[in-house]
Amino acid sequence: MKAVVTKVSAIIFAMLLATNVFAADSFSIDLSHSTIGFTATHLTVSKVNGQFTDYVGTIEFDPQDLASFKADVVIKTASVNTGVNDRDDHLRKEEFFDAPKYPTITFKSSLLEKKDEGYVLRGDLTIRDVTKQVAIPVTISGPVKSPYGQQVIGLVGRFTINRQDFGVKWNKIMDNGGFVVGDDVDILVNVEASK
């Protein structure tokens, strides 16, 4: 009898573990309602904004089980768009992203932590085959049910990287000693993802 009880307990425990493992819902990023953008200083006096227009990503999220959170994003480097064709062509070249050699930028999460009113998302960001761990303060909204019957979440985050850390080194010195392009680049992630 004791052996039977032990066996039943083991089965129940395994089922509970399986439930936790598969509890997180999987959401796909909706390109038409999302932005992955950046801002860099130009000529020390202004900011230039840009974004990537071609990317895919999945987010696994269960607000009751943060350990199950996963986010994987793959961005097509050549899709960079600042609204100026000549500048975009320059960004695709070897001096910046070198899109032919490094066609993708990737992010893979490692940890989601609850912090105050939001979260901190940690993970590996890879640009030009250089991988650095980043910490991104984020807010996560939802899930909510859209009018079309889908479960939808939103994730918004902003963080800063030094482009030199990723081998994006091109620059020119100005007469006043400043640089044409600043090293610090602000990254904005504003995504909507549906189940």
C-alpha atoms as a PDB file:
ATOM      1  CA  MET A   1       0.000   0.000   0.000  1.00  0.00           C
ATOM      2  CA  LYS A   2       2.827   2.356   0.913  1.00  0.00           C
ATOM      3  CA  ALA A   3       4.495   1.669  -2.450  1.00  0.00           C
ATOM      4  CA  VAL A   4       1.252   2.501  -4.280  1.00  0.00           C
ATOM      5  CA  VAL A   5       0.869   5.801  -2.382  1.00  0.00           C
ATOM      6  CA  THR A   6       4.491   6.689  -3.157  1.00  0.00           C
ATOM      7  CA  LYS A   7       3.974   5.912  -6.836  1.00  0.00           C
ATOM      8  CA  VAL A   8       0.787   7.987  -7.004  1.00  0.00           C
ATOM      9  CA  SER A   9       2.541  10.879  -5.236  1.00  0.00           C
ATOM     10  CA  ALA A  10       5.400  10.707  -7.727  1.00  0.00           C
ATOM     11  CA  ILE A  11       2.972  10.819 -10.665  1.00  0.00           C
ATOM     12  CA  ILE A  12       1.117  13.818  -9.200  1.00  0.00           C
ATOM     13  CA  PHE A  13       4.421  15.611  -8.586  1.00  0.00           C
ATOM     14  CA  ALA A  14       5.525  14.945 -12.166  1.00  0.00           C
ATOM     15  CA  MET A  15       2.221  16.278 -13.469  1.00  0.00           C
ATOM     16  CA  LEU A  16       2.612  19.440 -11.423  1.00  0.00           C
ATOM     17  CA  LEU A  17       6.111  19.930 -12.789  1.00  0.00           C
ATOM     18  CA  ALA A  18       4.850  19.436 -16.330  1.00  0.00           C
ATOM     19  CA  THR A  19       2.076  21.961 -15.727  1.00  0.00           C
ATOM     20  CA  ASN A  20       4.603  24.557 -14.577  1.00  0.00           C
ATOM     21  CA  VAL A  21       6.945  23.865 -17.469  1.00  0.00           C
ATOM     22  CA  PHE A  22       4.234  24.357 -20.078  1.00  0.00           C
ATOM     23  CA  ALA A  23       2.254  27.081 -18.279  1.00  0.00           C
ATOM     24  CA  ALA A  24       3.802  30.029 -20.119  1.00  0.00           C
ATOM     25  CA  ASP A  25       1.895  31.192 -23.188  1.00  0.00           C
ATOM     26  CA  SER A  26       3.843  31.829 -26.385  1.00  0.00           C
ATOM     27  CA  PHE A  27       3.326  35.175 -28.145  1.00  0.00           C
ATOM     28  CA  SER A  28       4.636  36.270 -31.540  1.00  0.00           C
ATOM     29  CA  ILE A  29       5.683  39.875 -32.137  1.00  0.00           C
ATOM     30  CA  ASP A  30       3.260  41.768 -34.379  1.00  0.00           C
ATOM     31  CA  LEU A  31       5.389  43.888 -36.756  1.00  0.00           C
ATOM     32  CA  SER A  32       2.502  46.181 -37.676  1.00  0.00           C
ATOM     33  CA  HIS A  33       2.067  47.308 -34.056  1.00  0.00           C
ATOM     34  CA  SER A  34       5.668  47.258 -32.837  1.00  0.00           C
ATOM     35  CA  THR A  35       8.815  49.371 -32.980  1.00  0.00           C
ATOM     36  CA  ILE A  36      12.448  48.488 -32.355  1.00  0.00           C
ATOM     37  CA  GLY A  37      14.232  51.803 -32.655  1.00  0.00           C
ATOM     38  CA  PHE A  38      17.319  53.732 -31.654  1.00  0.00           C
ATOM     39  CA  THR A  39      18.580  57.264 -31.092  1.00  0.00           C
ATOM     40  CA  ALA A  40      22.176  58.478 -31.516  1.00  0.00           C
ATOM     41  CA  THR A  41      23.801  61.878 -31.058  1.00  0.00           C
ATOM     42  CA  HIS A  42      24.844  63.648 -34.275  1.00  0.00           C
ATOM     43  CA  LEU A  43      27.471  66.419 -34.466  1.00  0.00           C
ATOM     44  CA  THR A  44      27.231  66.727 -30.624  1.00  0.00           C
ATOM     45  CA  VAL A  45      24.146  68.959 -30.971  1.00  0.00           C
ATOM     46  CA  SER A  46      21.207  66.844 -32.153  1.00  0.00           C
ATOM     47  CA  LYS A  47      19.693  63.365 -32.169  1.00  0.00           C
ATOM     48  CA  VAL A  48      19.056  61.078 -35.111  1.00  0.00           C
ATOM     49  CA  ASN A  49      16.301  58.484 -34.786  1.00  0.00           C
ATOM     50  CA  GLY A  50      16.024  55.212 -36.634  1.00  0.00           C
ATOM     51  CA  GLN A  51      14.392  51.824 -36.479  1.00  0.00           C
ATOM     52  CA  PHE A  52      14.535  48.333 -37.896  1.00  0.00           C
ATOM     53  CA  THR A  53      11.577  47.321 -40.006  1.00  0.00           C
ATOM     54  CA  ASP A  54      12.136  43.579 -40.461  1.00  0.00           C
ATOM     55  CA  TYR A  55      12.346  41.257 -37.464  1.00  0.00           C
ATOM     56  CA  VAL A  56      10.718  38.252 -35.852  1.00  0.00           C
ATOM     57  CA  GLY A  57      10.399  37.358 -32.210  1.00  0.00           C
ATOM     58  CA  THR A  58       8.630  35.200 -29.680  1.00  0.00           C
ATOM     59  CA  ILE A  59       7.886  35.849 -26.031  1.00  0.00           C
ATOM     60  CA  GLU A  60       6.854  33.204 -23.520  1.00  0.00           C
ATOM     61  CA  PHE A  61       5.167  34.846 -20.557  1.00  0.00           C
ATOM     62  CA  ASP A  62       3.240  33.710 -17.504  1.00  0.00           C
ATOM     63  CA  PRO A  63       2.873  36.481 -14.870  1.00  0.00           C
ATOM     64  CA  GLN A  64       2.597  33.795 -12.178  1.00  0.00           C
ATOM     65  CA  ASP A  65       5.827  32.054 -13.209  1.00  0.00           C
ATOM     66  CA  LEU A  66       8.579  34.511 -14.164  1.00  0.00           C
ATOM     67  CA  ALA A  67      11.148  31.703 -14.322  1.00  0.00           C
ATOM     68  CA  SER A  68       9.392  30.426 -17.446  1.00  0.00           C
ATOM     69  CA  PHE A  69       9.852  33.741 -19.301  1.00  0.00           C
ATOM     70  CA  LYS A  70      11.697  33.606 -22.615  1.00  0.00           C
ATOM     71  CA  ALA A  71      12.249  36.142 -25.357  1.00  0.00           C
ATOM     72  CA  ASP A  72      14.015  35.542 -28.650  1.00  0.00           C
ATOM     73  CA  VAL A  73      14.306  38.267 -31.285  1.00  0.00           C
ATOM     74  CA  VAL A  74      16.085  38.220 -34.656  1.00  0.00           C
ATOM     75  CA  ILE A  75      16.447  41.550 -36.495  1.00  0.00           C
ATOM     76  CA  LYS A  76      17.441  41.881 -40.158  1.00  0.00           C
ATOM     77  CA  THR A  77      20.321  44.362 -40.075  1.00  0.00           C
ATOM     78  CA  ALA A  78      19.691  45.569 -43.618  1.00  0.00           C
ATOM     79  CA  SER A  79      16.220  46.775 -42.600  1.00  0.00           C
ATOM     80  CA  VAL A  80      17.698  49.799 -40.763  1.00  0.00           C
ATOM     81  CA  ASN A  81      15.696  52.917 -41.601  1.00  0.00           C
ATOM     82  CA  THR A  82      16.441  56.483 -40.521  1.00  0.00           C
ATOM     83  CA  GLY A  83      14.380  58.095 -43.278  1.00  0.00           C
ATOM     84  CA  VAL A  84      17.459  59.107 -45.326  1.00  0.00           C
ATOM     85  CA  ASN A  85      18.514  56.623 -48.012  1.00  0.00           C
ATOM     86  CA  ASP A  86      22.182  57.678 -48.195  1.00  0.00           C
ATOM     87  CA  ARG A  87      22.554  57.441 -44.429  1.00  0.00           C
ATOM     88  CA  ASP A  88      20.836  54.055 -44.327  1.00  0.00           C
ATOM     89  CA  ASP A  89      23.158  52.761 -47.054  1.00  0.00           C
ATOM     90  CA  HIS A  90      26.141  53.951 -44.998  1.00  0.00           C
ATOM     91  CA  LEU A  91      24.806  52.221 -41.881  1.00  0.00           C
ATOM     92  CA  ARG A  92      24.547  48.951 -43.819  1.00  0.00           C
ATOM     93  CA  LYS A  93      28.207  49.143 -44.855  1.00  0.00           C
ATOM     94  CA  GLU A  94      31.305  47.813 -43.100  1.00  0.00           C
ATOM     95  CA  GLU A  95      31.866  51.031 -41.105  1.00  0.00           C
ATOM     96  CA  PHE A  96      28.669  50.389 -39.124  1.00  0.00           C
ATOM     97  CA  PHE A  97      26.535  47.214 -39.191  1.00  0.00           C
ATOM     98  CA  ASP A  98      28.234  45.505 -42.166  1.00  0.00           C
ATOM     99  CA  ALA A  99      24.918  43.921 -43.121  1.00  0.00           C
ATOM    100  CA  PRO A 100      26.293  41.566 -45.817  1.00  0.00           C
ATOM    101  CA  LYS A 101      28.691  39.979 -43.303  1.00  0.00           C
ATOM    102  CA  TYR A 102      26.446  40.243 -40.218  1.00  0.00           C
ATOM    103  CA  PRO A 103      22.879  39.978 -41.537  1.00  0.00           C
ATOM    104  CA  THR A 104      21.184  39.743 -38.134  1.00  0.00           C
ATOM    105  CA  ILE A 105      21.127  41.334 -34.695  1.00  0.00           C
ATOM    106  CA  THR A 106      19.809  38.983 -32.013  1.00  0.00           C
ATOM    107  CA  PHE A 107      18.539  39.131 -28.464  1.00  0.00           C
ATOM    108  CA  LYS A 108      18.035  36.072 -26.271  1.00  0.00           C
ATOM    109  CA  SER A 109      16.712  36.468 -22.731  1.00  0.00           C
ATOM    110  CA  SER A 110      18.225  34.819 -19.684  1.00  0.00           C
ATOM    111  CA  LEU A 111      16.173  36.196 -16.771  1.00  0.00           C
ATOM    112  CA  LEU A 112      13.114  38.302 -15.977  1.00  0.00           C
ATOM    113  CA  GLU A 113      13.059  39.915 -12.520  1.00  0.00           C
ATOM    114  CA  LYS A 114      10.190  41.769 -10.856  1.00  0.00           C
ATOM    115  CA  LYS A 115      11.266  45.280  -9.851  1.00  0.00           C
ATOM    116  CA  ASP A 116       8.966  47.846  -8.220  1.00  0.00           C
ATOM    117  CA  GLU A 117       6.210  48.611 -10.767  1.00  0.00           C
ATOM    118  CA  GLY A 118       7.886  46.802 -13.652  1.00  0.00           C
ATOM    119  CA  TYR A 119      10.544  44.253 -14.510  1.00  0.00           C
ATOM    120  CA  VAL A 120      14.198  44.007 -15.486  1.00  0.00           C
ATOM    121  CA  LEU A 121      14.853  41.791 -18.483  1.00  0.00           C
ATOM    122  CA  ARG A 122      18.377  40.394 -18.772  1.00  0.00           C
ATOM    123  CA  GLY A 123      19.782  38.702 -21.825  1.00  0.00           C
ATOM    124  CA  ASP A 124      22.403  38.485 -24.547  1.00  0.00           C
ATOM    125  CA  LEU A 125      22.472  41.116 -27.288  1.00  0.00           C
ATOM    126  CA  THR A 126      24.567  40.231 -30.342  1.00  0.00           C
ATOM    127  CA  ILE A 127      25.660  42.827 -32.918  1.00  0.00           C
ATOM    128  CA  ARG A 128      28.374  42.093 -35.504  1.00  0.00           C
ATOM    129  CA  ASP A 129      28.936  38.708 -33.799  1.00  0.00           C
ATOM    130  CA  VAL A 130      29.841  40.458 -30.521  1.00  0.00           C
ATOM    131  CA  THR A 131      27.660  39.332 -27.620  1.00  0.00           C
ATOM    132  CA  LYS A 132      27.160  41.394 -24.463  1.00  0.00           C
ATOM    133  CA  GLN A 133      24.723  40.933 -21.613  1.00  0.00           C
ATOM    134  CA  VAL A 134      22.268  43.795 -21.221  1.00  0.00           C
ATOM    135  CA  ALA A 135      19.736  44.696 -18.534  1.00  0.00           C
ATOM    136  CA  ILE A 136      16.542  46.297 -19.821  1.00  0.00           C
ATOM    137  CA  PRO A 137      13.958  47.930 -17.537  1.00  0.00           C
ATOM    138  CA  VAL A 138      10.613  46.902 -19.033  1.00  0.00           C
ATOM    139  CA  THR A 139       6.905  47.102 -18.425  1.00  0.00           C
ATOM    140  CA  ILE A 140       4.685  44.248 -19.533  1.00  0.00           C
ATOM    141  CA  SER A 141       0.977  44.806 -20.085  1.00  0.00           C
ATOM    142  CA  GLY A 142      -1.719  42.172 -20.500  1.00  0.00           C
ATOM    143  CA  PRO A 143      -2.555  39.675 -21.596  1.00  0.00           C
ATOM    144  CA  VAL A 144      -5.809  41.097 -22.902  1.00  0.00           C
ATOM    145  CA  LYS A 145      -8.256  39.701 -25.437  1.00  0.00           C
ATOM    146  CA  SER A 146      -8.353  41.682 -28.673  1.00  0.00           C
ATOM    147  CA  PRO A 147     -11.614  42.299 -30.583  1.00  0.00           C
ATOM    148  CA  TYR A 148     -10.399  39.578 -32.966  1.00  0.00           C
ATOM    149  CA  GLY A 149     -10.243  36.969 -30.214  1.00  0.00           C
ATOM    150  CA  GLN A 150      -6.459  36.830 -29.755  1.00  0.00           C
ATOM    151  CA  GLN A 151      -4.627  37.064 -26.447  1.00  0.00           C
ATOM    152  CA  VAL A 152      -2.218  40.019 -26.679  1.00  0.00           C
ATOM    153  CA  ILE A 153       0.587  41.400 -24.503  1.00  0.00           C
ATOM    154  CA  GLY A 154       2.669  44.567 -24.753  1.00  0.00           C
ATOM    155  CA  LEU A 155       6.292  45.027 -23.724  1.00  0.00           C
ATOM    156  CA  VAL A 156       8.038  48.402 -23.538  1.00  0.00           C
ATOM    157  CA  GLY A 157      11.679  48.930 -22.619  1.00  0.00           C
ATOM    158  CA  ARG A 158      14.468  51.442 -23.035  1.00  0.00           C
ATOM    159  CA  PHE A 159      18.192  51.003 -22.468  1.00  0.00           C
ATOM    160  CA  THR A 160      21.544  52.395 -23.609  1.00  0.00           C
ATOM    161  CA  ILE A 161      24.516  50.651 -25.185  1.00  0.00           C
ATOM    162  CA  ASN A 162      27.967  51.856 -26.202  1.00  0.00           C
ATOM    163  CA  ARG A 163      28.237  51.004 -29.887  1.00  0.00           C
ATOM    164  CA  GLN A 164      32.019  50.695 -29.589  1.00  0.00           C
ATOM    165  CA  ASP A 165      31.488  47.632 -27.369  1.00  0.00           C
ATOM    166  CA  PHE A 166      29.921  45.876 -30.365  1.00  0.00           C
ATOM    167  CA  GLY A 167      32.543  46.856 -32.923  1.00  0.00           C
ATOM    168  CA  VAL A 168      30.500  49.665 -34.501  1.00  0.00           C
ATOM    169  CA  LYS A 169      33.429  52.074 -34.502  1.00  0.00           C
ATOM    170  CA  TRP A 170      33.189  54.479 -37.454  1.00  0.00           C
ATOM    171  CA  ASN A 171      33.572  58.169 -36.598  1.00  0.00           C
ATOM    172  CA  LYS A 172      35.133  61.476 -37.598  1.00  0.00           C
ATOM    173  CA  ILE A 173      36.592  64.176 -35.376  1.00  0.00           C
ATOM    174  CA  MET A 174      35.084  67.639 -35.802  1.00  0.00           C
ATOM    175  CA  ASP A 175      36.982  70.935 -35.705  1.00  0.00           C
ATOM    176  CA  ASN A 176      35.772  71.553 -32.153  1.00  0.00           C
ATOM    177  CA  GLY A 177      37.144  68.182 -31.009  1.00  0.00           C
ATOM    178  CA  GLY A 178      33.768  66.479 -30.835  1.00  0.00           C
ATOM    179  CA  PHE A 179      32.691  63.467 -32.873  1.00  0.00           C
ATOM    180  CA  VAL A 180      30.232  63.207 -35.729  1.00  0.00           C
ATOM    181  CA  VAL A 181      28.414  60.263 -34.094  1.00  0.00           C
ATOM    182  CA  GLY A 182      28.052  59.693 -30.355  1.00  0.00           C
ATOM    183  CA  ASP A 183      29.091  56.374 -28.830  1.00  0.00           C
ATOM    184  CA  ASP A 184      26.024  55.967 -26.612  1.00  0.00           C
ATOM    185  CA  VAL A 185      22.955  54.698 -28.438  1.00  0.00           C
ATOM    186  CA  ASP A 186      19.533  54.643 -26.802  1.00  0.00           C
ATOM    187  CA  ILE A 187      17.473  51.597 -27.745  1.00  0.00           C
ATOM    188  CA  LEU A 188      13.668  51.661 -27.606  1.00  0.00           C
ATOM    189  CA  VAL A 189      11.659  48.447 -27.684  1.00  0.00           C
ATOM    190  CA  ASN A 190       7.895  48.842 -27.965  1.00  0.00           C
ATOM    191  CA  VAL A 191       6.310  45.576 -29.036  1.00  0.00           C
ATOM    192  CA  GLU A 192       2.872  44.063 -29.210  1.00  0.00           C
ATOM    193  CA  ALA A 193       2.736  40.284 -29.370  1.00  0.00           C
ATOM    194  CA  SER A 194      -0.179  37.955 -29.913  1.00  0.00           C
ATOM    195  CA  LYS A 195      -0.791  34.332 -28.915  1.00  0.00           C
END
